[in-house]
């Protein structure tokens, strides 16, 4: 007697039942606008395909570790915009075939950040400093398209964990993903990032952070105070100065009350 072999119909029913029971979480957020869909299509066409299909938006920026300010890395983000308010990114230490996956980042809008419990907000870093400083870039996009993309990320927040210290251009690295995940933060003042970190990226990718910064001057008008801007103030080894329009919500003046 042969052992029981399920029929094709039975297999199909089993697969359907498994699919029905394996519902994935759907992040809250508004439907993508036509503008967002157009930006995605343009990014996919102009920036090329990254290591993971579907993660078509390519960003490059820098992260200091929240508890180790001088542990600073360059992060290549490959992102997928789930909806208008939520994106998820896989982080690599480069953009080549042999790049190492060393972290993840979730990006949420100001609207979703306002819904977070107070105890959760300490994990989310603000993005206005990264954008207005010119440090966060979208390689391969024309300047106008890149600026339009950055406009959509103004006042947003990111939750980033780095899980492997792969080193950075000759610095110490671990041969394997050792230790606990490291919570990363954003640079919110000029002088916080090590100058060589930005300069090396600019030379390698043939960009100018200062020129990009000047091209984004008009985005300052969109900046609202954000939580976490002052979270690492005074922890860096260099003198720092404020970036215009990048303000911590705890220092922002209270709105005037109507009389």
Protein backbone atom coordinates (compact mmCIF):
# COMPACT_ATOMS: atom_id res chain seq x y z
CA UNK A 1 0.00 0.00 0.00
CA UNK A 2 1.42 3.36 -1.00
CA UNK A 3 1.40 6.14 1.59
CA UNK A 4 -1.29 8.80 1.18
CA UNK A 5 -0.46 11.27 -1.57
CA UNK A 6 -2.59 14.45 -1.51
CA UNK A 7 -4.34 15.38 -4.72
CA UNK A 8 -3.52 18.58 -6.61
CA UNK A 9 -6.88 19.97 -5.55
CA UNK A 10 -6.09 19.16 -1.94
CA UNK A 11 -2.72 20.87 -2.24
CA UNK A 12 -4.35 23.95 -3.72
CA UNK A 13 -6.86 24.11 -0.89
CA UNK A 14 -4.08 23.69 1.67
CA UNK A 15 -2.03 26.48 0.10
CA UNK A 16 -5.08 28.75 0.01
CA UNK A 17 -5.80 28.03 3.67
CA UNK A 18 -2.20 28.78 4.61
CA UNK A 19 -2.27 32.03 2.67
CA UNK A 20 -5.50 33.07 4.34
CA UNK A 21 -4.13 32.35 7.79
CA UNK A 22 -0.80 34.11 7.18
CA UNK A 23 -2.08 37.67 7.04
CA UNK A 24 0.72 40.21 7.20
CA UNK A 25 0.55 43.47 9.10
CA UNK A 26 -0.54 46.48 7.08
CA UNK A 27 1.00 49.74 8.30
CA UNK A 28 -1.43 52.64 8.67
CA UNK A 29 -1.22 55.51 6.27
CA UNK A 30 -2.88 57.30 3.40
CA UNK A 31 -2.92 55.87 -0.12
CA UNK A 32 -0.01 56.93 -2.28
CA UNK A 33 -0.65 60.11 -4.19
CA UNK A 34 -0.11 60.26 -7.97
CA UNK A 35 2.96 62.39 -7.28
CA UNK A 36 4.47 59.72 -5.03
CA UNK A 37 3.79 57.02 -7.63
CA UNK A 38 5.44 59.15 -10.30
CA UNK A 39 8.49 59.70 -8.08
CA UNK A 40 8.75 55.94 -7.51
CA UNK A 41 8.53 55.19 -11.22
CA UNK A 42 11.18 57.79 -11.97
CA UNK A 43 13.48 56.52 -9.23
CA UNK A 44 13.20 52.96 -10.53
CA UNK A 45 14.05 54.08 -14.05
CA UNK A 46 16.88 56.50 -13.24
CA UNK A 47 18.52 54.97 -10.18
CA UNK A 48 18.58 51.38 -11.41
CA UNK A 49 17.73 48.24 -9.49
CA UNK A 50 19.21 47.65 -6.06
CA UNK A 51 20.06 44.39 -4.31
CA UNK A 52 16.39 43.70 -3.52
CA UNK A 53 13.69 43.95 -6.20
CA UNK A 54 10.86 46.28 -5.21
CA UNK A 55 13.09 48.42 -2.98
CA UNK A 56 13.56 50.99 -5.72
CA UNK A 57 14.23 54.29 -3.94
CA UNK A 58 17.96 54.67 -3.30
CA UNK A 59 19.19 57.07 -0.61
CA UNK A 60 22.63 57.61 0.89
CA UNK A 61 23.14 59.26 4.27
CA UNK A 62 25.02 59.00 7.54
CA UNK A 63 24.18 57.65 10.98
CA UNK A 64 25.81 58.07 14.38
CA UNK A 65 25.07 55.35 16.90
CA UNK A 66 22.81 56.70 19.64
CA UNK A 67 25.01 55.48 22.49
CA UNK A 68 28.35 55.84 20.65
CA UNK A 69 28.37 59.28 18.97
CA UNK A 70 31.75 58.85 17.26
CA UNK A 71 30.72 55.52 15.76
CA UNK A 72 29.49 57.02 12.49
CA UNK A 73 28.76 55.21 9.26
CA UNK A 74 27.66 55.77 5.69
CA UNK A 75 24.40 53.96 4.98
CA UNK A 76 23.04 53.04 1.56
CA UNK A 77 19.26 52.81 1.86
CA UNK A 78 17.14 50.77 -0.54
CA UNK A 79 13.57 51.70 0.29
CA UNK A 80 10.03 50.67 -0.54
CA UNK A 81 7.24 53.16 0.01
CA UNK A 82 4.38 51.11 1.45
CA UNK A 83 1.94 54.02 1.49
CA UNK A 84 2.07 57.79 1.79
CA UNK A 85 3.02 57.64 5.49
CA UNK A 86 5.22 54.55 5.83
CA UNK A 87 8.37 53.29 4.10
CA UNK A 88 10.81 50.54 4.95
CA UNK A 89 14.47 50.40 3.96
CA UNK A 90 17.22 47.80 3.90
CA UNK A 91 20.64 49.29 4.66
CA UNK A 92 23.93 48.27 3.06
CA UNK A 93 27.51 49.47 3.48
CA UNK A 94 27.80 50.11 -0.25
CA UNK A 95 25.96 49.82 -3.54
CA UNK A 96 27.91 47.04 -5.25
CA UNK A 97 27.18 43.35 -5.63
CA UNK A 98 29.29 42.47 -2.60
CA UNK A 99 27.82 45.13 -0.28
CA UNK A 100 26.99 43.89 3.21
CA UNK A 101 23.52 44.24 4.70
CA UNK A 102 24.12 46.01 7.98
CA UNK A 103 20.80 47.47 9.11
CA UNK A 104 17.16 48.35 8.61
CA UNK A 105 15.23 51.60 8.80
CA UNK A 106 11.53 52.36 8.99
CA UNK A 107 10.37 55.83 7.95
CA UNK A 108 7.10 57.34 9.09
CA UNK A 109 5.37 60.65 8.52
CA UNK A 110 4.88 63.35 11.13
CA UNK A 111 1.24 62.24 11.28
CA UNK A 112 2.14 58.66 12.26
CA UNK A 113 4.80 59.84 14.71
CA UNK A 114 2.09 61.78 16.56
CA UNK A 115 0.23 58.49 17.14
CA UNK A 116 3.18 56.73 18.81
CA UNK A 117 3.13 56.06 22.57
CA UNK A 118 5.45 58.37 24.48
CA UNK A 119 7.77 55.50 25.41
CA UNK A 120 8.19 54.52 21.75
CA UNK A 121 9.16 57.94 20.45
CA UNK A 122 12.67 57.77 21.94
CA UNK A 123 13.65 55.29 19.22
CA UNK A 124 12.74 57.57 16.28
CA UNK A 125 15.16 60.18 14.96
CA UNK A 126 14.14 63.36 13.09
CA UNK A 127 15.00 63.86 9.42
CA UNK A 128 14.93 67.61 8.82
CA UNK A 129 18.61 68.03 9.74
CA UNK A 130 19.68 65.30 7.32
CA UNK A 131 17.68 66.86 4.49
CA UNK A 132 18.43 70.56 5.04
CA UNK A 133 22.16 69.92 5.59
CA UNK A 134 22.39 68.25 2.17
CA UNK A 135 23.81 65.09 3.72
CA UNK A 136 20.93 62.84 2.63
CA UNK A 137 21.02 62.33 -1.13
CA UNK A 138 19.28 60.26 -3.80
CA UNK A 139 22.06 59.37 -6.26
CA UNK A 140 21.12 59.16 -9.91
CA UNK A 141 18.08 61.42 -9.75
CA UNK A 142 18.06 64.81 -11.50
CA UNK A 143 18.26 67.67 -9.00
CA UNK A 144 14.60 68.62 -9.40
CA UNK A 145 13.39 65.06 -8.85
CA UNK A 146 15.69 64.57 -5.87
CA UNK A 147 14.44 67.78 -4.30
CA UNK A 148 10.84 66.73 -4.86
CA UNK A 149 11.57 63.42 -3.13
CA UNK A 150 13.19 65.19 -0.18
CA UNK A 151 10.22 67.51 0.08
CA UNK A 152 8.01 64.45 0.75
CA UNK A 153 10.34 63.40 3.60
CA UNK A 154 10.38 66.74 5.40
CA UNK A 155 9.21 66.41 9.04
CA UNK A 156 9.41 62.61 8.86
CA UNK A 157 11.10 60.27 11.34
CA UNK A 158 13.19 57.12 11.11
CA UNK A 159 13.75 54.13 13.38
CA UNK A 160 17.10 52.57 12.48
CA UNK A 161 18.92 49.54 13.83
CA UNK A 162 22.39 48.58 12.69
CA UNK A 163 23.12 44.92 13.24
CA UNK A 164 26.65 44.55 11.87
CA UNK A 165 29.67 46.77 12.29
CA UNK A 166 31.14 46.22 8.83
CA UNK A 167 33.64 49.05 9.21
CA UNK A 168 33.91 52.11 7.03
CA UNK A 169 36.69 52.63 4.51
CA UNK A 170 39.56 51.17 6.51
CA UNK A 171 38.08 51.51 9.98
CA UNK A 172 37.63 48.61 12.41
CA UNK A 173 35.11 46.00 11.40
CA UNK A 174 33.69 42.80 12.84
CA UNK A 175 34.03 39.70 10.64
CA UNK A 176 30.49 38.66 11.54
CA UNK A 177 27.41 40.43 12.99
CA UNK A 178 28.55 40.45 16.63
CA UNK A 179 26.76 41.86 19.65
CA UNK A 180 23.42 43.54 20.09
CA UNK A 181 21.73 45.72 17.48
CA UNK A 182 22.73 49.38 17.73
CA UNK A 183 20.11 52.12 17.62
CA UNK A 184 21.19 54.81 15.17
CA UNK A 185 20.36 58.51 15.19
CA UNK A 186 20.56 61.48 12.83
CA UNK A 187 22.93 64.43 12.63
CA UNK A 188 21.03 67.57 13.63
CA UNK A 189 23.81 70.17 13.86
CA UNK A 190 26.68 71.19 11.65
CA UNK A 191 29.90 69.71 13.01
CA UNK A 192 28.38 66.53 14.45
CA UNK A 193 29.41 64.40 11.47
CA UNK A 194 33.13 63.82 11.08
CA UNK A 195 34.19 66.02 8.11
CA UNK A 196 36.12 63.17 6.44
CA UNK A 197 33.01 60.99 6.47
CA UNK A 198 31.08 63.43 4.28
CA UNK A 199 34.07 64.44 2.17
CA UNK A 200 34.91 60.84 1.26
CA UNK A 201 31.33 60.13 0.22
CA UNK A 202 31.19 63.29 -1.88
CA UNK A 203 34.42 62.47 -3.73
CA UNK A 204 33.47 58.84 -4.30
CA UNK A 205 29.98 59.64 -5.58
CA UNK A 206 30.90 62.91 -7.31
CA UNK A 207 28.43 65.07 -5.39
CA UNK A 208 28.68 68.26 -3.35
CA UNK A 209 26.88 68.31 -0.03
CA UNK A 210 27.26 72.08 0.18
CA UNK A 211 25.77 72.65 -3.27
CA UNK A 212 22.87 70.31 -2.51
CA UNK A 213 22.31 72.13 0.77
CA UNK A 214 22.04 75.49 -0.98
CA UNK A 215 19.59 74.04 -3.50
CA UNK A 216 17.31 73.03 -0.63
CA UNK A 217 17.21 76.40 1.13
CA UNK A 218 13.54 76.91 0.25
CA UNK A 219 12.61 73.64 2.00
CA UNK A 220 13.29 75.38 5.33
CA UNK A 221 9.85 76.97 5.08
CA UNK A 222 8.33 73.46 5.38
CA UNK A 223 10.31 72.51 8.50
CA UNK A 224 8.40 72.19 11.73
CA UNK A 225 9.96 71.55 15.16
CA UNK A 226 10.79 67.89 15.65
CA UNK A 227 11.32 65.63 18.63
CA UNK A 228 14.85 64.32 19.10
CA UNK A 229 16.80 67.18 17.53
CA UNK A 230 18.60 67.85 20.84
CA UNK A 231 18.84 64.19 21.91
CA UNK A 232 22.61 64.01 21.25
CA UNK A 233 23.51 67.66 21.76
CA UNK A 234 26.96 68.11 23.30
CA UNK A 235 28.00 64.47 22.85
CA UNK A 236 30.28 64.98 19.85
CA UNK A 237 34.00 65.69 19.86
CA UNK A 238 33.78 68.85 17.72
CA UNK A 239 32.16 72.27 18.09
CA UNK A 240 28.69 72.31 16.58
CA UNK A 241 26.25 74.95 15.39
CA UNK A 242 22.57 74.89 14.63
CA UNK A 243 21.22 74.21 11.15
CA UNK A 244 18.70 76.93 10.23
CA UNK A 245 15.08 75.74 10.66
CA UNK A 246 16.11 72.53 12.49
CA UNK A 247 14.56 72.99 15.93
CA UNK A 248 13.72 70.61 18.75
CA UNK A 249 10.02 70.58 19.61
CA UNK A 250 10.90 70.99 23.30
CA UNK A 251 12.55 74.34 22.51
CA UNK A 252 9.97 75.59 20.07
CA UNK A 253 7.86 78.54 21.27
CA UNK A 254 4.32 77.63 22.14
CA UNK A 255 1.78 78.65 19.49
CA UNK A 256 -0.02 81.87 20.22
CA UNK A 257 -3.52 81.39 21.61
CA UNK A 258 -6.41 83.14 19.95
CA UNK A 259 -8.03 85.92 21.94
